[in-house]
N, C-alpha and C. Protein backbone atom coordinates (compact mmCIF):
# COMPACT_ATOMS: atom_id res chain seq x y z
N MET A 1 113.83 99.28 -15.90
CA MET A 1 112.59 98.73 -16.41
C MET A 1 112.92 97.49 -17.25
N THR A 2 112.31 96.37 -16.92
CA THR A 2 112.54 95.15 -17.68
C THR A 2 111.73 95.19 -18.98
N LEU A 3 112.06 94.28 -19.88
CA LEU A 3 111.34 94.23 -21.16
C LEU A 3 109.85 93.99 -20.97
N LYS A 4 109.49 93.16 -20.00
CA LYS A 4 108.08 92.88 -19.78
C LYS A 4 107.29 94.11 -19.36
N ASN A 5 107.96 95.07 -18.73
CA ASN A 5 107.28 96.28 -18.29
C ASN A 5 107.09 97.30 -19.41
N LYS A 6 107.74 97.09 -20.52
CA LYS A 6 107.59 98.02 -21.64
C LYS A 6 106.29 97.70 -22.37
N PRO A 7 105.46 98.70 -22.64
CA PRO A 7 104.15 98.46 -23.25
C PRO A 7 104.23 97.73 -24.59
N TRP A 8 105.25 98.01 -25.39
CA TRP A 8 105.33 97.39 -26.71
C TRP A 8 105.72 95.92 -26.64
N MET A 9 106.10 95.43 -25.47
CA MET A 9 106.43 94.01 -25.32
C MET A 9 105.23 93.19 -24.83
N ARG A 10 104.18 93.85 -24.39
CA ARG A 10 103.05 93.12 -23.82
C ARG A 10 102.02 92.70 -24.86
N PHE A 11 101.90 93.42 -25.93
CA PHE A 11 101.03 93.08 -27.06
C PHE A 11 99.53 93.20 -26.76
N GLU A 12 99.14 93.82 -25.67
CA GLU A 12 97.70 93.93 -25.42
C GLU A 12 97.02 94.94 -26.33
N PHE A 13 97.79 95.76 -27.00
CA PHE A 13 97.24 96.76 -27.90
C PHE A 13 97.02 96.23 -29.32
N ILE A 14 97.39 94.99 -29.59
CA ILE A 14 97.29 94.43 -30.93
C ILE A 14 95.88 94.49 -31.51
N PRO A 15 94.83 94.20 -30.76
CA PRO A 15 93.50 94.27 -31.37
C PRO A 15 93.14 95.66 -31.93
N HIS A 16 93.87 96.67 -31.52
CA HIS A 16 93.58 98.03 -31.97
C HIS A 16 94.39 98.44 -33.20
N ILE A 17 95.22 97.56 -33.70
CA ILE A 17 96.06 97.88 -34.86
C ILE A 17 95.34 97.44 -36.12
N ASP A 18 95.09 98.39 -37.00
CA ASP A 18 94.35 98.10 -38.23
C ASP A 18 95.26 97.67 -39.38
N SER A 19 96.49 98.10 -39.38
CA SER A 19 97.40 97.81 -40.48
C SER A 19 98.09 96.45 -40.27
N VAL A 20 97.88 95.55 -41.21
CA VAL A 20 98.51 94.23 -41.12
C VAL A 20 100.03 94.37 -41.21
N ASN A 21 100.52 95.30 -42.01
CA ASN A 21 101.96 95.51 -42.13
C ASN A 21 102.57 95.94 -40.80
N VAL A 22 101.92 96.85 -40.11
CA VAL A 22 102.41 97.29 -38.80
C VAL A 22 102.38 96.11 -37.82
N LEU A 23 101.31 95.37 -37.85
CA LEU A 23 101.17 94.21 -36.97
C LEU A 23 102.28 93.19 -37.22
N LEU A 24 102.55 92.90 -38.48
CA LEU A 24 103.60 91.93 -38.80
C LEU A 24 104.99 92.44 -38.44
N ASN A 25 105.20 93.74 -38.57
CA ASN A 25 106.47 94.31 -38.11
C ASN A 25 106.64 94.10 -36.61
N LEU A 26 105.57 94.28 -35.86
CA LEU A 26 105.63 94.06 -34.41
C LEU A 26 105.99 92.61 -34.09
N TYR A 27 105.36 91.68 -34.79
CA TYR A 27 105.67 90.27 -34.56
C TYR A 27 107.13 89.98 -34.91
N LYS A 28 107.58 90.50 -36.04
CA LYS A 28 108.95 90.26 -36.47
C LYS A 28 109.96 90.81 -35.46
N PHE A 29 109.80 92.08 -35.08
CA PHE A 29 110.78 92.69 -34.19
C PHE A 29 110.66 92.18 -32.76
N ARG A 30 109.47 91.81 -32.35
CA ARG A 30 109.34 91.22 -31.01
C ARG A 30 110.06 89.87 -30.97
N SER A 31 109.90 89.08 -32.02
CA SER A 31 110.58 87.78 -32.02
C SER A 31 112.10 87.95 -32.07
N ILE A 32 112.59 88.98 -32.76
CA ILE A 32 114.02 89.25 -32.79
C ILE A 32 114.53 89.66 -31.40
N ILE A 33 113.77 90.51 -30.72
CA ILE A 33 114.16 90.93 -29.37
C ILE A 33 114.17 89.73 -28.42
N LEU A 34 113.15 88.89 -28.53
CA LEU A 34 113.10 87.70 -27.68
C LEU A 34 114.26 86.75 -27.99
N ARG A 35 114.61 86.64 -29.25
CA ARG A 35 115.76 85.81 -29.64
C ARG A 35 117.04 86.36 -29.03
N LYS A 36 117.21 87.68 -29.10
CA LYS A 36 118.44 88.30 -28.56
C LYS A 36 118.52 88.17 -27.05
N THR A 37 117.37 88.08 -26.38
CA THR A 37 117.37 87.92 -24.93
C THR A 37 117.29 86.44 -24.52
N LYS A 38 117.45 85.56 -25.51
CA LYS A 38 117.50 84.11 -25.31
C LYS A 38 116.21 83.52 -24.77
N LYS A 39 115.10 84.16 -25.07
CA LYS A 39 113.78 83.62 -24.72
C LYS A 39 113.25 82.89 -25.95
N TYR A 40 113.93 81.80 -26.28
CA TYR A 40 113.70 81.12 -27.55
C TYR A 40 112.30 80.55 -27.69
N SER A 41 111.77 79.96 -26.65
CA SER A 41 110.44 79.36 -26.74
C SER A 41 109.39 80.43 -27.06
N GLU A 42 109.45 81.55 -26.37
CA GLU A 42 108.51 82.63 -26.63
C GLU A 42 108.74 83.23 -28.02
N ALA A 43 109.99 83.33 -28.42
CA ALA A 43 110.32 83.86 -29.75
C ALA A 43 109.73 82.97 -30.84
N ILE A 44 109.81 81.66 -30.64
CA ILE A 44 109.23 80.72 -31.61
C ILE A 44 107.73 80.89 -31.68
N ASP A 45 107.07 81.03 -30.54
CA ASP A 45 105.62 81.23 -30.52
C ASP A 45 105.22 82.50 -31.28
N VAL A 46 105.94 83.58 -31.01
CA VAL A 46 105.64 84.86 -31.66
C VAL A 46 105.86 84.74 -33.17
N CYS A 47 106.95 84.11 -33.56
CA CYS A 47 107.24 83.90 -34.99
C CYS A 47 106.11 83.12 -35.65
N ASN A 48 105.72 82.03 -35.04
CA ASN A 48 104.66 81.20 -35.62
C ASN A 48 103.34 81.95 -35.75
N GLN A 49 103.03 82.78 -34.77
CA GLN A 49 101.82 83.60 -34.86
C GLN A 49 101.91 84.57 -36.04
N GLY A 50 103.05 85.21 -36.17
CA GLY A 50 103.25 86.15 -37.28
C GLY A 50 103.22 85.44 -38.62
N ILE A 51 103.82 84.26 -38.70
CA ILE A 51 103.81 83.48 -39.94
C ILE A 51 102.38 83.15 -40.35
N THR A 52 101.57 82.77 -39.38
CA THR A 52 100.16 82.46 -39.66
C THR A 52 99.43 83.68 -40.21
N ILE A 53 99.65 84.83 -39.60
CA ILE A 53 99.00 86.06 -40.06
C ILE A 53 99.48 86.43 -41.47
N ALA A 54 100.78 86.35 -41.70
CA ALA A 54 101.33 86.69 -43.01
C ALA A 54 100.80 85.75 -44.09
N ARG A 55 100.75 84.47 -43.78
CA ARG A 55 100.25 83.48 -44.74
C ARG A 55 98.77 83.73 -45.04
N HIS A 56 97.99 83.97 -44.00
CA HIS A 56 96.55 84.21 -44.15
C HIS A 56 96.28 85.44 -45.03
N ASN A 57 97.13 86.46 -44.87
CA ASN A 57 96.96 87.70 -45.63
C ASN A 57 97.77 87.73 -46.92
N ARG A 58 98.47 86.64 -47.20
CA ARG A 58 99.27 86.50 -48.43
C ARG A 58 100.30 87.62 -48.59
N ILE A 59 101.02 87.88 -47.50
CA ILE A 59 102.05 88.92 -47.52
C ILE A 59 103.40 88.20 -47.50
N GLN A 60 103.95 87.99 -48.70
CA GLN A 60 105.13 87.15 -48.88
C GLN A 60 106.36 87.66 -48.15
N ASN A 61 106.64 88.95 -48.23
CA ASN A 61 107.89 89.44 -47.65
C ASN A 61 107.93 89.24 -46.13
N TYR A 62 106.83 89.48 -45.45
CA TYR A 62 106.81 89.26 -44.00
C TYR A 62 106.84 87.77 -43.67
N TYR A 63 106.15 86.98 -44.48
CA TYR A 63 106.18 85.53 -44.29
C TYR A 63 107.62 85.03 -44.35
N LEU A 64 108.33 85.43 -45.38
CA LEU A 64 109.71 84.98 -45.55
C LEU A 64 110.63 85.53 -44.47
N ASP A 65 110.43 86.79 -44.07
CA ASP A 65 111.22 87.36 -42.97
C ASP A 65 111.04 86.56 -41.68
N LEU A 66 109.79 86.25 -41.36
CA LEU A 66 109.50 85.54 -40.12
C LEU A 66 110.01 84.10 -40.16
N VAL A 67 109.93 83.45 -41.31
CA VAL A 67 110.46 82.09 -41.43
C VAL A 67 111.98 82.12 -41.26
N THR A 68 112.63 83.16 -41.78
CA THR A 68 114.08 83.31 -41.62
C THR A 68 114.44 83.53 -40.15
N VAL A 69 113.69 84.37 -39.47
CA VAL A 69 113.93 84.60 -38.04
C VAL A 69 113.74 83.29 -37.28
N LEU A 70 112.69 82.55 -37.62
CA LEU A 70 112.44 81.27 -36.97
C LEU A 70 113.62 80.30 -37.19
N GLY A 71 114.14 80.26 -38.40
CA GLY A 71 115.30 79.43 -38.68
C GLY A 71 116.50 79.83 -37.84
N SER A 72 116.68 81.14 -37.66
CA SER A 72 117.82 81.62 -36.87
C SER A 72 117.68 81.25 -35.39
N ILE A 73 116.45 81.21 -34.91
CA ILE A 73 116.21 80.79 -33.52
C ILE A 73 116.56 79.31 -33.36
N TYR A 74 116.10 78.50 -34.30
CA TYR A 74 116.43 77.07 -34.25
C TYR A 74 117.93 76.86 -34.33
N LEU A 75 118.60 77.66 -35.12
CA LEU A 75 120.06 77.55 -35.25
C LEU A 75 120.74 77.84 -33.91
N LEU A 76 120.28 78.88 -33.22
CA LEU A 76 120.84 79.21 -31.91
C LEU A 76 120.57 78.11 -30.88
N GLN A 77 119.47 77.40 -31.06
CA GLN A 77 119.14 76.29 -30.16
C GLN A 77 119.84 74.99 -30.55
N LYS A 78 120.66 75.06 -31.59
CA LYS A 78 121.38 73.89 -32.11
C LYS A 78 120.43 72.84 -32.69
N GLN A 79 119.25 73.28 -33.13
CA GLN A 79 118.31 72.40 -33.82
C GLN A 79 118.55 72.58 -35.32
N ILE A 80 119.65 72.02 -35.76
CA ILE A 80 120.17 72.25 -37.10
C ILE A 80 119.18 71.81 -38.19
N ASP A 81 118.56 70.66 -38.01
CA ASP A 81 117.63 70.17 -39.04
C ASP A 81 116.44 71.10 -39.21
N LYS A 82 115.89 71.58 -38.10
CA LYS A 82 114.76 72.51 -38.18
C LYS A 82 115.20 73.83 -38.81
N ALA A 83 116.37 74.30 -38.44
CA ALA A 83 116.89 75.55 -39.00
C ALA A 83 117.08 75.40 -40.51
N LYS A 84 117.72 74.31 -40.91
CA LYS A 84 117.97 74.07 -42.33
C LYS A 84 116.66 74.01 -43.11
N GLU A 85 115.67 73.35 -42.54
CA GLU A 85 114.36 73.24 -43.19
C GLU A 85 113.74 74.63 -43.42
N ARG A 86 113.83 75.50 -42.41
CA ARG A 86 113.26 76.86 -42.56
C ARG A 86 114.01 77.67 -43.60
N PHE A 87 115.34 77.58 -43.58
CA PHE A 87 116.14 78.33 -44.55
C PHE A 87 115.88 77.83 -45.97
N GLU A 88 115.73 76.52 -46.12
CA GLU A 88 115.42 75.96 -47.44
C GLU A 88 114.04 76.38 -47.92
N MET A 89 113.09 76.50 -46.98
CA MET A 89 111.75 76.99 -47.35
C MET A 89 111.85 78.37 -47.99
N VAL A 90 112.68 79.22 -47.39
CA VAL A 90 112.84 80.59 -47.91
C VAL A 90 113.54 80.56 -49.27
N LEU A 91 114.61 79.78 -49.35
CA LEU A 91 115.37 79.72 -50.60
C LEU A 91 114.57 79.13 -51.76
N ASN A 92 113.69 78.19 -51.45
CA ASN A 92 112.92 77.51 -52.49
C ASN A 92 111.51 78.06 -52.67
N TYR A 93 111.22 79.17 -52.02
CA TYR A 93 109.87 79.73 -52.07
C TYR A 93 109.50 80.11 -53.50
N ASP A 94 108.30 79.76 -53.90
CA ASP A 94 107.80 80.07 -55.24
C ASP A 94 107.10 81.44 -55.18
N TYR A 95 107.76 82.45 -55.69
CA TYR A 95 107.22 83.81 -55.63
C TYR A 95 106.02 84.03 -56.54
N GLU A 96 105.75 83.10 -57.40
CA GLU A 96 104.62 83.24 -58.33
C GLU A 96 103.30 82.82 -57.73
N ARG A 97 103.33 82.27 -56.55
CA ARG A 97 102.08 81.80 -55.93
C ARG A 97 101.10 82.90 -55.72
């Protein structure tokens, strides 16, 4: 069974998830799985969607986790400047916001 055939990789059940924390975990781990399978473009899309949700809901830990994952994807793609920018965002994040 390929990853696409696994129900948790298709994301069609997302509208039925009430917990934002569960939803953000799905985005985080899906992007990690996509990164490990070298599907970088899709991993970036998933990360950005999760970042938007985390930012909208003001959930700092998931926001920072997803930005870090995004930086690691850029690093694997040899997009050093983009990776550095994401890692610096995390390091310089103002937790008092």
